[in-house]
Amino acid sequence: MYVITPTWTSEAEVPPVKPGTEYWQSLLVVDDPDPEFRTYCHLFTTRRPWQRGCVDDLLRDTADDKVAGILITDTRMQRIHHPYDGGADVFLTTSDERDQMRDRHVDWLSSHPSGL
């Protein structure tokens, strides 16, 4: 699996790579005419073998709002889990796969009529 972590800056220059990660790519998120207000998202990846509990600390830090914007994917990047404080978004390959996951985890879903 891959764990993708963002670093947000106002500079296009890639910040130092964190230990255990590799630089992947940078995105210009806000292209303001004033360079002081441009925003870049620099993405770093870590490839890990899947083991039960291997991202528990990261998920806990996300729930506690210590980190944000992480993505957890399979190695083909076809399925994406995007946790955040208060929930998570899951992107799957087909609507059938989505429906199966929804049915398996009905207790986790929002009771709000919009599903949000």
PDB file of N, CA and C in Angstrom:
ATOM      1  N   MET A   1       0.844  -1.172   0.000  1.00  0.00           N
ATOM      2  CA  MET A   1       0.000   0.000   0.000  1.00  0.00           C
ATOM      3  C   MET A   1       0.886   1.232   0.000  1.00  0.00           C
ATOM      4  N   TYR A   2       0.299   2.351  -0.390  1.00  0.00           N
ATOM      5  CA  TYR A   2       0.984   3.637  -0.324  1.00  0.00           C
ATOM      6  C   TYR A   2       0.301   4.517   0.714  1.00  0.00           C
ATOM      7  N   VAL A   3       1.102   5.264   1.436  1.00  0.00           N
ATOM      8  CA  VAL A   3       0.602   6.330   2.292  1.00  0.00           C
ATOM      9  C   VAL A   3       1.130   7.620   1.686  1.00  0.00           C
ATOM     10  N   ILE A   4       0.227   8.508   1.331  1.00  0.00           N
ATOM     11  CA  ILE A   4       0.587   9.771   0.688  1.00  0.00           C
ATOM     12  C   ILE A   4       0.311  10.894   1.686  1.00  0.00           C
ATOM     13  N   THR A   5       1.337  11.704   1.927  1.00  0.00           N
ATOM     14  CA  THR A   5       1.203  12.802   2.881  1.00  0.00           C
ATOM     15  C   THR A   5       1.521  14.123   2.192  1.00  0.00           C
ATOM     16  N   PRO A   6       0.731  15.155   2.463  1.00  0.00           N
ATOM     17  CA  PRO A   6       0.970  16.464   1.841  1.00  0.00           C
ATOM     18  C   PRO A   6       1.767  17.397   2.749  1.00  0.00           C
ATOM     19  N   THR A   7       2.488  18.284   2.118  1.00  0.00           N
ATOM     20  CA  THR A   7       3.087  19.427   2.802  1.00  0.00           C
ATOM     21  C   THR A   7       2.677  20.659   2.006  1.00  0.00           C
ATOM     22  N   TRP A   8       2.056  21.618   2.679  1.00  0.00           N
ATOM     23  CA  TRP A   8       1.536  22.820   2.031  1.00  0.00           C
ATOM     24  C   TRP A   8       2.528  23.958   2.212  1.00  0.00           C
ATOM     25  N   THR A   9       2.813  24.676   1.121  1.00  0.00           N
ATOM     26  CA  THR A   9       3.728  25.817   1.193  1.00  0.00           C
ATOM     27  C   THR A   9       3.245  26.923   0.259  1.00  0.00           C
ATOM     28  N   SER A  10       3.871  28.066   0.378  1.00  0.00           N
ATOM     29  CA  SER A  10       3.610  29.159  -0.562  1.00  0.00           C
ATOM     30  C   SER A  10       4.719  29.242  -1.607  1.00  0.00           C
ATOM     31  N   GLU A  11       5.604  28.268  -1.611  1.00  0.00           N
ATOM     32  CA  GLU A  11       6.744  28.244  -2.532  1.00  0.00           C
ATOM     33  C   GLU A  11       6.686  27.006  -3.416  1.00  0.00           C
ATOM     34  N   ALA A  12       7.131  27.152  -4.661  1.00  0.00           N
ATOM     35  CA  ALA A  12       7.164  26.012  -5.578  1.00  0.00           C
ATOM     36  C   ALA A  12       8.284  25.040  -5.228  1.00  0.00           C
ATOM     37  N   GLU A  13       9.301  25.531  -4.538  1.00  0.00           N
ATOM     38  CA  GLU A  13      10.437  24.680  -4.171  1.00  0.00           C
ATOM     39  C   GLU A  13       9.971  23.551  -3.257  1.00  0.00           C
ATOM     40  N   VAL A  14      10.425  22.347  -3.564  1.00  0.00           N
ATOM     41  CA  VAL A  14      10.028  21.177  -2.779  1.00  0.00           C
ATOM     42  C   VAL A  14      10.716  21.240  -1.415  1.00  0.00           C
ATOM     43  N   PRO A  15       9.942  21.115  -0.338  1.00  0.00           N
ATOM     44  CA  PRO A  15      10.557  21.115   0.992  1.00  0.00           C
ATOM     45  C   PRO A  15      11.374  19.842   1.205  1.00  0.00           C
ATOM     46  N   PRO A  16      12.210  19.822   2.227  1.00  0.00           N
ATOM     47  CA  PRO A  16      13.017  18.624   2.486  1.00  0.00           C
ATOM     48  C   PRO A  16      12.142  17.382   2.645  1.00  0.00           C
ATOM     49  N   VAL A  17      12.639  16.283   2.133  1.00  0.00           N
ATOM     50  CA  VAL A  17      11.923  15.012   2.227  1.00  0.00           C
ATOM     51  C   VAL A  17      12.006  14.511   3.664  1.00  0.00           C
ATOM     52  N   LYS A  18      10.865  14.069   4.179  1.00  0.00           N
ATOM     53  CA  LYS A  18      10.822  13.540   5.539  1.00  0.00           C
ATOM     54  C   LYS A  18      11.437  12.142   5.555  1.00  0.00           C
ATOM     55  N   PRO A  19      12.057  11.742   6.651  1.00  0.00           N
ATOM     56  CA  PRO A  19      12.653  10.404   6.720  1.00  0.00           C
ATOM     57  C   PRO A  19      11.623   9.317   6.404  1.00  0.00           C
ATOM     58  N   GLY A  20      12.018   8.364   5.589  1.00  0.00           N
ATOM     59  CA  GLY A  20      11.146   7.246   5.246  1.00  0.00           C
ATOM     60  C   GLY A  20      10.159   7.523   4.135  1.00  0.00           C
ATOM     61  N   THR A  21      10.208   8.721   3.547  1.00  0.00           N
ATOM     62  CA  THR A  21       9.289   9.051   2.460  1.00  0.00           C
ATOM     63  C   THR A  21      10.069   9.404   1.204  1.00  0.00           C
ATOM     64  N   GLU A  22       9.358   9.408   0.096  1.00  0.00           N
ATOM     65  CA  GLU A  22       9.926   9.833  -1.180  1.00  0.00           C
ATOM     66  C   GLU A  22       9.051  10.940  -1.752  1.00  0.00           C
ATOM     67  N   TYR A  23       9.693  11.899  -2.389  1.00  0.00           N
ATOM     68  CA  TYR A  23       8.941  12.956  -3.062  1.00  0.00           C
ATOM     69  C   TYR A  23       8.210  12.349  -4.257  1.00  0.00           C
ATOM     70  N   TRP A  24       6.931  12.730  -4.447  1.00  0.00           N
ATOM     71  CA  TRP A  24       6.154  12.227  -5.572  1.00  0.00           C
ATOM     72  C   TRP A  24       5.884  13.334  -6.582  1.00  0.00           C
ATOM     73  N   GLN A  25       5.157  14.376  -6.164  1.00  0.00           N
ATOM     74  CA  GLN A  25       4.835  15.460  -7.082  1.00  0.00           C
ATOM     75  C   GLN A  25       4.345  16.676  -6.305  1.00  0.00           C
ATOM     76  N   SER A  26       4.324  17.806  -7.001  1.00  0.00           N
ATOM     77  CA  SER A  26       3.802  19.042  -6.418  1.00  0.00           C
ATOM     78  C   SER A  26       2.655  19.549  -7.277  1.00  0.00           C
ATOM     79  N   LEU A  27       1.682  20.145  -6.613  1.00  0.00           N
ATOM     80  CA  LEU A  27       0.514  20.690  -7.291  1.00  0.00           C
ATOM     81  C   LEU A  27       0.371  22.159  -6.924  1.00  0.00           C
ATOM     82  N   LEU A  28       0.128  22.983  -7.918  1.00  0.00           N
ATOM     83  CA  LEU A  28      -0.202  24.381  -7.658  1.00  0.00           C
ATOM     84  C   LEU A  28      -1.700  24.414  -7.381  1.00  0.00           C
ATOM     85  N   VAL A  29      -2.064  24.642  -6.135  1.00  0.00           N
ATOM     86  CA  VAL A  29      -3.461  24.552  -5.719  1.00  0.00           C
ATOM     87  C   VAL A  29      -4.174  25.890  -5.876  1.00  0.00           C
ATOM     88  N   VAL A  30      -3.508  26.974  -5.517  1.00  0.00           N
ATOM     89  CA  VAL A  30      -4.062  28.318  -5.674  1.00  0.00           C
ATOM     90  C   VAL A  30      -3.070  29.123  -6.500  1.00  0.00           C
ATOM     91  N   ASP A  31      -3.487  29.490  -7.713  1.00  0.00           N
ATOM     92  CA  ASP A  31      -2.611  30.235  -8.623  1.00  0.00           C
ATOM     93  C   ASP A  31      -2.980  31.712  -8.566  1.00  0.00           C
ATOM     94  N   ASP A  32      -2.594  32.342  -7.481  1.00  0.00           N
ATOM     95  CA  ASP A  32      -2.883  33.765  -7.289  1.00  0.00           C
ATOM     96  C   ASP A  32      -1.873  34.597  -8.074  1.00  0.00           C
ATOM     97  N   PRO A  33      -2.300  35.703  -8.677  1.00  0.00           N
ATOM     98  CA  PRO A  33      -1.345  36.560  -9.388  1.00  0.00           C
ATOM     99  C   PRO A  33      -0.223  37.073  -8.477  1.00  0.00           C
ATOM    100  N   ASP A  34      -0.535  37.240  -7.202  1.00  0.00           N
ATOM    101  CA  ASP A  34       0.477  37.665  -6.240  1.00  0.00           C
ATOM    102  C   ASP A  34       1.197  36.420  -5.719  1.00  0.00           C
ATOM    103  N   PRO A  35       2.487  36.277  -5.998  1.00  0.00           N
ATOM    104  CA  PRO A  35       3.219  35.072  -5.587  1.00  0.00           C
ATOM    105  C   PRO A  35       3.137  34.771  -4.091  1.00  0.00           C
ATOM    106  N   GLU A  36       2.949  35.799  -3.273  1.00  0.00           N
ATOM    107  CA  GLU A  36       2.857  35.571  -1.825  1.00  0.00           C
ATOM    108  C   GLU A  36       1.623  34.760  -1.446  1.00  0.00           C
ATOM    109  N   PHE A  37       0.616  34.757  -2.315  1.00  0.00           N
ATOM    110  CA  PHE A  37      -0.633  34.074  -1.996  1.00  0.00           C
ATOM    111  C   PHE A  37      -0.834  32.784  -2.788  1.00  0.00           C
ATOM    112  N   ARG A  38       0.171  32.351  -3.511  1.00  0.00           N
ATOM    113  CA  ARG A  38       0.083  31.063  -4.202  1.00  0.00           C
ATOM    114  C   ARG A  38       0.229  29.949  -3.172  1.00  0.00           C
ATOM    115  N   THR A  39      -0.442  28.851  -3.434  1.00  0.00           N
ATOM    116  CA  THR A  39      -0.374  27.714  -2.523  1.00  0.00           C
ATOM    117  C   THR A  39       0.000  26.467  -3.304  1.00  0.00           C
ATOM    118  N   TYR A  40       0.994  25.768  -2.784  1.00  0.00           N
ATOM    119  CA  TYR A  40       1.460  24.524  -3.389  1.00  0.00           C
ATOM    120  C   TYR A  40       1.231  23.384  -2.409  1.00  0.00           C
ATOM    121  N   CYS A  41       0.884  22.240  -2.958  1.00  0.00           N
ATOM    122  CA  CYS A  41       0.762  21.018  -2.172  1.00  0.00           C
ATOM    123  C   CYS A  41       1.819  20.053  -2.697  1.00  0.00           C
ATOM    124  N   HIS A  42       2.786  19.733  -1.859  1.00  0.00           N
ATOM    125  CA  HIS A  42       3.860  18.811  -2.220  1.00  0.00           C
ATOM    126  C   HIS A  42       3.508  17.451  -1.621  1.00  0.00           C
ATOM    127  N   LEU A  43       3.480  16.434  -2.464  1.00  0.00           N
ATOM    128  CA  LEU A  43       3.055  15.105  -2.030  1.00  0.00           C
ATOM    129  C   LEU A  43       4.255  14.179  -1.879  1.00  0.00           C
ATOM    130  N   PHE A  44       4.257  13.460  -0.769  1.00  0.00           N
ATOM    131  CA  PHE A  44       5.310  12.504  -0.458  1.00  0.00           C
ATOM    132  C   PHE A  44       4.668  11.138  -0.245  1.00  0.00           C
ATOM    133  N   THR A  45       5.366  10.087  -0.643  1.00  0.00           N
ATOM    134  CA  THR A  45       4.806   8.743  -0.528  1.00  0.00           C
ATOM    135  C   THR A  45       5.708   7.845   0.303  1.00  0.00           C
ATOM    136  N   THR A  46       5.062   6.872   0.892  1.00  0.00           N
ATOM    137  CA  THR A  46       5.742   5.788   1.583  1.00  0.00           C
ATOM    138  C   THR A  46       5.059   4.508   1.138  1.00  0.00           C
ATOM    139  N   ARG A  47       5.831   3.541   0.698  1.00  0.00           N
ATOM    140  CA  ARG A  47       5.247   2.243   0.353  1.00  0.00           C
ATOM    141  C   ARG A  47       5.473   1.310   1.532  1.00  0.00           C
ATOM    142  N   ARG A  48       4.385   0.696   1.983  1.00  0.00           N
ATOM    143  CA  ARG A  48       4.439  -0.198   3.138  1.00  0.00           C
ATOM    144  C   ARG A  48       3.734  -1.505   2.805  1.00  0.00           C
ATOM    145  N   PRO A  49       4.214  -2.596   3.353  1.00  0.00           N
ATOM    146  CA  PRO A  49       3.432  -3.829   3.238  1.00  0.00           C
ATOM    147  C   PRO A  49       2.225  -3.728   4.179  1.00  0.00           C
ATOM    148  N   TRP A  50       1.088  -4.241   3.729  1.00  0.00           N
ATOM    149  CA  TRP A  50      -0.104  -4.180   4.571  1.00  0.00           C
ATOM    150  C   TRP A  50       0.043  -5.153   5.731  1.00  0.00           C
ATOM    151  N   GLN A  51      -0.191  -4.637   6.913  1.00  0.00           N
ATOM    152  CA  GLN A  51      -0.279  -5.441   8.128  1.00  0.00           C
ATOM    153  C   GLN A  51      -1.367  -4.817   8.981  1.00  0.00           C
ATOM    154  N   ARG A  52      -2.134  -5.653   9.617  1.00  0.00           N
ATOM    155  CA  ARG A  52      -3.182  -5.140  10.495  1.00  0.00           C
ATOM    156  C   ARG A  52      -2.554  -4.180  11.512  1.00  0.00           C
ATOM    157  N   GLY A  53      -3.120  -2.989  11.619  1.00  0.00           N
ATOM    158  CA  GLY A  53      -2.648  -2.001  12.582  1.00  0.00           C
ATOM    159  C   GLY A  53      -1.504  -1.122  12.102  1.00  0.00           C
ATOM    160  N   CYS A  54      -1.041  -1.313  10.874  1.00  0.00           N
ATOM    161  CA  CYS A  54       0.159  -0.588  10.416  1.00  0.00           C
ATOM    162  C   CYS A  54      -0.061   0.912  10.235  1.00  0.00           C
ATOM    163  N   VAL A  55      -1.283   1.363  10.141  1.00  0.00           N
ATOM    164  CA  VAL A  55      -1.538   2.807  10.024  1.00  0.00           C
ATOM    165  C   VAL A  55      -2.368   3.335  11.194  1.00  0.00           C
ATOM    166  N   ASP A  56      -2.489   2.542  12.249  1.00  0.00           N
ATOM    167  CA  ASP A  56      -3.312   2.960  13.384  1.00  0.00           C
ATOM    168  C   ASP A  56      -2.859   4.289  13.982  1.00  0.00           C
ATOM    169  N   ASP A  57      -1.552   4.463  14.176  1.00  0.00           N
ATOM    170  CA  ASP A  57      -1.061   5.719  14.758  1.00  0.00           C
ATOM    171  C   ASP A  57      -1.382   6.904  13.853  1.00  0.00           C
ATOM    172  N   LEU A  58      -1.214   6.710  12.551  1.00  0.00           N
ATOM    173  CA  LEU A  58      -1.513   7.777  11.597  1.00  0.00           C
ATOM    174  C   LEU A  58      -3.009   8.106  11.598  1.00  0.00           C
ATOM    175  N   LEU A  59      -3.853   7.091  11.663  1.00  0.00           N
ATOM    176  CA  LEU A  59      -5.297   7.320  11.720  1.00  0.00           C
ATOM    177  C   LEU A  59      -5.686   8.032  13.013  1.00  0.00           C
ATOM    178  N   ARG A  60      -5.050   7.655  14.113  1.00  0.00           N
ATOM    179  CA  ARG A  60      -5.328   8.320  15.387  1.00  0.00           C
ATOM    180  C   ARG A  60      -4.903   9.787  15.326  1.00  0.00           C
ATOM    181  N   ASP A  61      -3.715  10.050  14.766  1.00  0.00           N
ATOM    182  CA  ASP A  61      -3.261  11.440  14.628  1.00  0.00           C
ATOM    183  C   ASP A  61      -4.197  12.240  13.720  1.00  0.00           C
ATOM    184  N   THR A  62      -4.741  11.593  12.702  1.00  0.00           N
ATOM    185  CA  THR A  62      -5.696  12.264  11.816  1.00  0.00           C
ATOM    186  C   THR A  62      -6.983  12.584  12.576  1.00  0.00           C
ATOM    187  N   ALA A  63      -7.490  11.616  13.324  1.00  0.00           N
ATOM    188  CA  ALA A  63      -8.712  11.829  14.102  1.00  0.00           C
ATOM    189  C   ALA A  63      -8.525  12.932  15.135  1.00  0.00           C
ATOM    190  N   ASP A  64      -7.314  13.053  15.670  1.00  0.00           N
ATOM    191  CA  ASP A  64      -7.008  14.091  16.658  1.00  0.00           C
ATOM    192  C   ASP A  64      -6.602  15.408  16.003  1.00  0.00           C
ATOM    193  N   ASP A  65      -6.698  15.479  14.680  1.00  0.00           N
ATOM    194  CA  ASP A  65      -6.383  16.684  13.902  1.00  0.00           C
ATOM    195  C   ASP A  65      -4.927  17.127  14.059  1.00  0.00           C
ATOM    196  N   LYS A  66      -4.033  16.146  14.256  1.00  0.00           N
ATOM    197  CA  LYS A  66      -2.594  16.436  14.312  1.00  0.00           C
ATOM    198  C   LYS A  66      -1.989  16.429  12.915  1.00  0.00           C
ATOM    199  N   VAL A  67      -2.573  15.643  12.014  1.00  0.00           N
ATOM    200  CA  VAL A  67      -2.164  15.605  10.607  1.00  0.00           C
ATOM    201  C   VAL A  67      -3.423  15.676   9.758  1.00  0.00           C
ATOM    202  N   ALA A  68      -3.266  16.100   8.510  1.00  0.00           N
ATOM    203  CA  ALA A  68      -4.430  16.222   7.626  1.00  0.00           C
ATOM    204  C   ALA A  68      -4.008  15.962   6.190  1.00  0.00           C
ATOM    205  N   GLY A  69      -4.972  15.555   5.400  1.00  0.00           N
ATOM    206  CA  GLY A  69      -4.746  15.418   3.968  1.00  0.00           C
ATOM    207  C   GLY A  69      -4.084  14.132   3.536  1.00  0.00           C
ATOM    208  N   ILE A  70      -4.004  13.142   4.416  1.00  0.00           N
ATOM    209  CA  ILE A  70      -3.341  11.903   4.018  1.00  0.00           C
ATOM    210  C   ILE A  70      -4.260  11.060   3.138  1.00  0.00           C
ATOM    211  N   LEU A  71      -3.640  10.263   2.308  1.00  0.00           N
ATOM    212  CA  LEU A  71      -4.346   9.296   1.472  1.00  0.00           C
ATOM    213  C   LEU A  71      -3.683   7.944   1.670  1.00  0.00           C
ATOM    214  N   ILE A  72      -4.485   6.907   1.747  1.00  0.00           N
ATOM    215  CA  ILE A  72      -3.983   5.542   1.844  1.00  0.00           C
ATOM    216  C   ILE A  72      -4.545   4.802   0.641  1.00  0.00           C
ATOM    217  N   THR A  73      -3.664   4.203  -0.164  1.00  0.00           N
ATOM    218  CA  THR A  73      -4.109   3.573  -1.409  1.00  0.00           C
ATOM    219  C   THR A  73      -3.522   2.179  -1.557  1.00  0.00           C
ATOM    220  N   ASP A  74      -4.133   1.409  -2.430  1.00  0.00           N
ATOM    221  CA  ASP A  74      -3.510   0.156  -2.846  1.00  0.00           C
ATOM    222  C   ASP A  74      -2.359   0.508  -3.798  1.00  0.00           C
ATOM    223  N   THR A  75      -1.524  -0.449  -4.112  1.00  0.00           N
ATOM    224  CA  THR A  75      -0.331  -0.149  -4.915  1.00  0.00           C
ATOM    225  C   THR A  75      -0.658   0.241  -6.350  1.00  0.00           C
ATOM    226  N   ARG A  76      -1.860  -0.058  -6.819  1.00  0.00           N
ATOM    227  CA  ARG A  76      -2.259   0.386  -8.165  1.00  0.00           C
ATOM    228  C   ARG A  76      -3.023   1.705  -8.125  1.00  0.00           C
ATOM    229  N   MET A  77      -3.201   2.227  -6.927  1.00  0.00           N
ATOM    230  CA  MET A  77      -3.923   3.483  -6.696  1.00  0.00           C
ATOM    231  C   MET A  77      -5.324   3.460  -7.296  1.00  0.00           C
ATOM    232  N   GLN A  78      -5.988   2.335  -7.154  1.00  0.00           N
ATOM    233  CA  GLN A  78      -7.366   2.216  -7.635  1.00  0.00           C
ATOM    234  C   GLN A  78      -8.379   2.417  -6.516  1.00  0.00           C
ATOM    235  N   ARG A  79      -7.958   2.186  -5.296  1.00  0.00           N
ATOM    236  CA  ARG A  79      -8.832   2.365  -4.143  1.00  0.00           C
ATOM    237  C   ARG A  79      -8.134   3.325  -3.193  1.00  0.00           C
ATOM    238  N   ILE A  80      -8.868   4.340  -2.779  1.00  0.00           N
ATOM    239  CA  ILE A  80      -8.263   5.398  -1.970  1.00  0.00           C
ATOM    240  C   ILE A  80      -9.090   5.599  -0.704  1.00  0.00           C
ATOM    241  N   HIS A  81      -8.407   5.644   0.412  1.00  0.00           N
ATOM    242  CA  HIS A  81      -9.027   5.938   1.702  1.00  0.00           C
ATOM    243  C   HIS A  81      -8.476   7.283   2.153  1.00  0.00           C
ATOM    244  N   HIS A  82      -9.362   8.241   2.392  1.00  0.00           N
ATOM    245  CA  HIS A  82      -8.962   9.596   2.794  1.00  0.00           C
ATOM    246  C   HIS A  82      -9.590   9.916   4.150  1.00  0.00           C
ATOM    247  N   PRO A  83      -8.876   9.582   5.232  1.00  0.00           N
ATOM    248  CA  PRO A  83      -9.420   9.868   6.561  1.00  0.00           C
ATOM    249  C   PRO A  83      -9.238  11.335   6.928  1.00  0.00           C
ATOM    250  N   TYR A  84     -10.127  11.821   7.774  1.00  0.00           N
ATOM    251  CA  TYR A  84     -10.025  13.176   8.310  1.00  0.00           C
ATOM    252  C   TYR A  84     -10.673  13.173   9.680  1.00  0.00           C
ATOM    253  N   ASP A  85     -10.443  14.226  10.450  1.00  0.00           N
ATOM    254  CA  ASP A  85     -11.050  14.263  11.776  1.00  0.00           C
ATOM    255  C   ASP A  85     -12.566  14.270  11.602  1.00  0.00           C
ATOM    256  N   GLY A  86     -13.213  13.272  12.133  1.00  0.00           N
ATOM    257  CA  GLY A  86     -14.662  13.185  12.024  1.00  0.00           C
ATOM    258  C   GLY A  86     -15.163  12.225  10.963  1.00  0.00           C
ATOM    259  N   GLY A  87     -14.282  11.572  10.214  1.00  0.00           N
ATOM    260  CA  GLY A  87     -14.766  10.625   9.212  1.00  0.00           C
ATOM    261  C   GLY A  87     -13.715  10.237   8.202  1.00  0.00           C
ATOM    262  N   ALA A  88     -14.202   9.778   7.063  1.00  0.00           N
ATOM    263  CA  ALA A  88     -13.305   9.365   5.981  1.00  0.00           C
ATOM    264  C   ALA A  88     -14.102   9.285   4.690  1.00  0.00           C
ATOM    265  N   ASP A  89     -13.417   9.508   3.599  1.00  0.00           N
ATOM    266  CA  ASP A  89     -13.977   9.263   2.273  1.00  0.00           C
ATOM    267  C   ASP A  89     -13.261   8.046   1.710  1.00  0.00           C
ATOM    268  N   VAL A  90     -14.007   7.208   1.015  1.00  0.00           N
ATOM    269  CA  VAL A  90     -13.438   6.016   0.392  1.00  0.00           C
ATOM    270  C   VAL A  90     -13.824   6.049  -1.081  1.00  0.00           C
ATOM    271  N   PHE A  91     -12.824   5.955  -1.939  1.00  0.00           N
ATOM    272  CA  PHE A  91     -13.041   5.949  -3.382  1.00  0.00           C
ATOM    273  C   PHE A  91     -12.729   4.551  -3.889  1.00  0.00           C
ATOM    274  N   LEU A  92     -13.723   3.926  -4.524  1.00  0.00           N
ATOM    275  CA  LEU A  92     -13.586   2.552  -4.996  1.00  0.00           C
ATOM    276  C   LEU A  92     -13.721   2.509  -6.511  1.00  0.00           C
ATOM    277  N   THR A  93     -13.480   1.335  -7.084  1.00  0.00           N
ATOM    278  CA  THR A  93     -13.407   1.232  -8.543  1.00  0.00           C
ATOM    279  C   THR A  93     -14.761   1.154  -9.230  1.00  0.00           C
ATOM    280  N   THR A  94     -15.771   0.626  -8.560  1.00  0.00           N
ATOM    281  CA  THR A  94     -17.085   0.478  -9.197  1.00  0.00           C
ATOM    282  C   THR A  94     -18.195   0.820  -8.200  1.00  0.00           C
ATOM    283  N   SER A  95     -19.366   1.077  -8.715  1.00  0.00           N
ATOM    284  CA  SER A  95     -20.502   1.332  -7.831  1.00  0.00           C
ATOM    285  C   SER A  95     -20.894   0.058  -7.080  1.00  0.00           C
ATOM    286  N   ASP A  96     -20.705  -1.111  -7.693  1.00  0.00           N
ATOM    287  CA  ASP A  96     -20.983  -2.372  -6.987  1.00  0.00           C
ATOM    288  C   ASP A  96     -20.069  -2.536  -5.775  1.00  0.00           C
ATOM    289  N   GLU A  97     -18.788  -2.241  -5.966  1.00  0.00           N
ATOM    290  CA  GLU A  97     -17.845  -2.330  -4.852  1.00  0.00           C
ATOM    291  C   GLU A  97     -18.224  -1.333  -3.753  1.00  0.00           C
ATOM    292  N   ARG A  98     -18.624  -0.136  -4.157  1.00  0.00           N
ATOM    293  CA  ARG A  98     -19.067   0.882  -3.199  1.00  0.00           C
ATOM    294  C   ARG A  98     -20.271   0.382  -2.411  1.00  0.00           C
ATOM    295  N   ASP A  99     -21.258  -0.180  -3.112  1.00  0.00           N
ATOM    296  CA  ASP A  99     -22.469  -0.652  -2.447  1.00  0.00           C
ATOM    297  C   ASP A  99     -22.170  -1.790  -1.481  1.00  0.00           C
ATOM    298  N   GLN A 100     -21.265  -2.686  -1.848  1.00  0.00           N
ATOM    299  CA  GLN A 100     -20.880  -3.782  -0.954  1.00  0.00           C
ATOM    300  C   GLN A 100     -20.229  -3.244   0.318  1.00  0.00           C
ATOM    301  N   MET A 101     -19.355  -2.260   0.156  1.00  0.00           N
ATOM    302  CA  MET A 101     -18.709  -1.671   1.334  1.00  0.00           C
ATOM    303  C   MET A 101     -19.740  -0.955   2.192  1.00  0.00           C
ATOM    304  N   ARG A 102     -20.632  -0.213   1.565  1.00  0.00           N
ATOM    305  CA  ARG A 102     -21.683   0.490   2.313  1.00  0.00           C
ATOM    306  C   ARG A 102     -22.502  -0.509   3.123  1.00  0.00           C
ATOM    307  N   ASP A 103     -22.887  -1.619   2.510  1.00  0.00           N
ATOM    308  CA  ASP A 103     -23.709  -2.610   3.189  1.00  0.00           C
ATOM    309  C   ASP A 103     -22.961  -3.301   4.334  1.00  0.00           C
ATOM    310  N   ARG A 104     -21.642  -3.481   4.181  1.00  0.00           N
ATOM    311  CA  ARG A 104     -20.837  -4.106   5.239  1.00  0.00           C
ATOM    312  C   ARG A 104     -20.637  -3.177   6.436  1.00  0.00           C
ATOM    313  N   HIS A 105     -20.696  -1.878   6.203  1.00  0.00           N
ATOM    314  CA  HIS A 105     -20.372  -0.913   7.259  1.00  0.00           C
ATOM    315  C   HIS A 105     -21.507   0.082   7.483  1.00  0.00           C
ATOM    316  N   VAL A 106     -22.729  -0.396   7.445  1.00  0.00           N
ATOM    317  CA  VAL A 106     -23.895   0.478   7.566  1.00  0.00           C
ATOM    318  C   VAL A 106     -23.879   1.262   8.889  1.00  0.00           C
ATOM    319  N   ASP A 107     -23.327   0.673   9.949  1.00  0.00           N
ATOM    320  CA  ASP A 107     -23.278   1.362  11.247  1.00  0.00           C
ATOM    321  C   ASP A 107     -22.332   2.557  11.239  1.00  0.00           C
ATOM    322  N   TRP A 108     -21.443   2.631  10.264  1.00  0.00           N
ATOM    323  CA  TRP A 108     -20.479   3.729  10.201  1.00  0.00           C
ATOM    324  C   TRP A 108     -21.033   4.934   9.443  1.00  0.00           C
ATOM    325  N   LEU A 109     -22.133   4.754   8.744  1.00  0.00           N
ATOM    326  CA  LEU A 109     -22.638   5.810   7.871  1.00  0.00           C
ATOM    327  C   LEU A 109     -23.369   6.890   8.652  1.00  0.00           C
ATOM    328  N   SER A 110     -23.339   8.088   8.119  1.00  0.00           N
ATOM    329  CA  SER A 110     -24.035   9.216   8.717  1.00  0.00           C
ATOM    330  C   SER A 110     -25.542   8.971   8.683  1.00  0.00           C
ATOM    331  N   SER A 111     -26.219   9.409   9.730  1.00  0.00           N
ATOM    332  CA  SER A 111     -27.684   9.295   9.749  1.00  0.00           C
ATOM    333  C   SER A 111     -28.346  10.515   9.111  1.00  0.00           C
ATOM    334  N   HIS A 112     -27.557  11.491   8.706  1.00  0.00           N
ATOM    335  CA  HIS A 112     -28.091  12.692   8.053  1.00  0.00           C
ATOM    336  C   HIS A 112     -28.711  12.294   6.712  1.00  0.00           C
ATOM    337  N   PRO A 113     -29.863  12.848   6.339  1.00  0.00           N
ATOM    338  CA  PRO A 113     -30.527  12.473   5.082  1.00  0.00           C
ATOM    339  C   PRO A 113     -29.643  12.624   3.836  1.00  0.00           C
ATOM    340  N   SER A 114     -28.727  13.575   3.851  1.00  0.00           N
ATOM    341  CA  SER A 114     -27.847  13.758   2.681  1.00  0.00           C
ATOM    342  C   SER A 114     -26.709  12.746   2.661  1.00  0.00           C
ATOM    343  N   GLY A 115     -26.530  12.029   3.777  1.00  0.00           N
ATOM    344  CA  GLY A 115     -25.426  11.081   3.862  1.00  0.00           C
ATOM    345  C   GLY A 115     -24.125  11.720   4.305  1.00  0.00           C
ATOM    346  N   LEU A 116     -24.146  13.023   4.512  1.00  0.00           N
ATOM    347  CA  LEU A 116     -22.916  13.726   4.927  1.00  0.00           C
ATOM    348  C   LEU A 116     -22.845  13.882   6.428  1.00  0.00           C
TER     349      LEU A 116
END
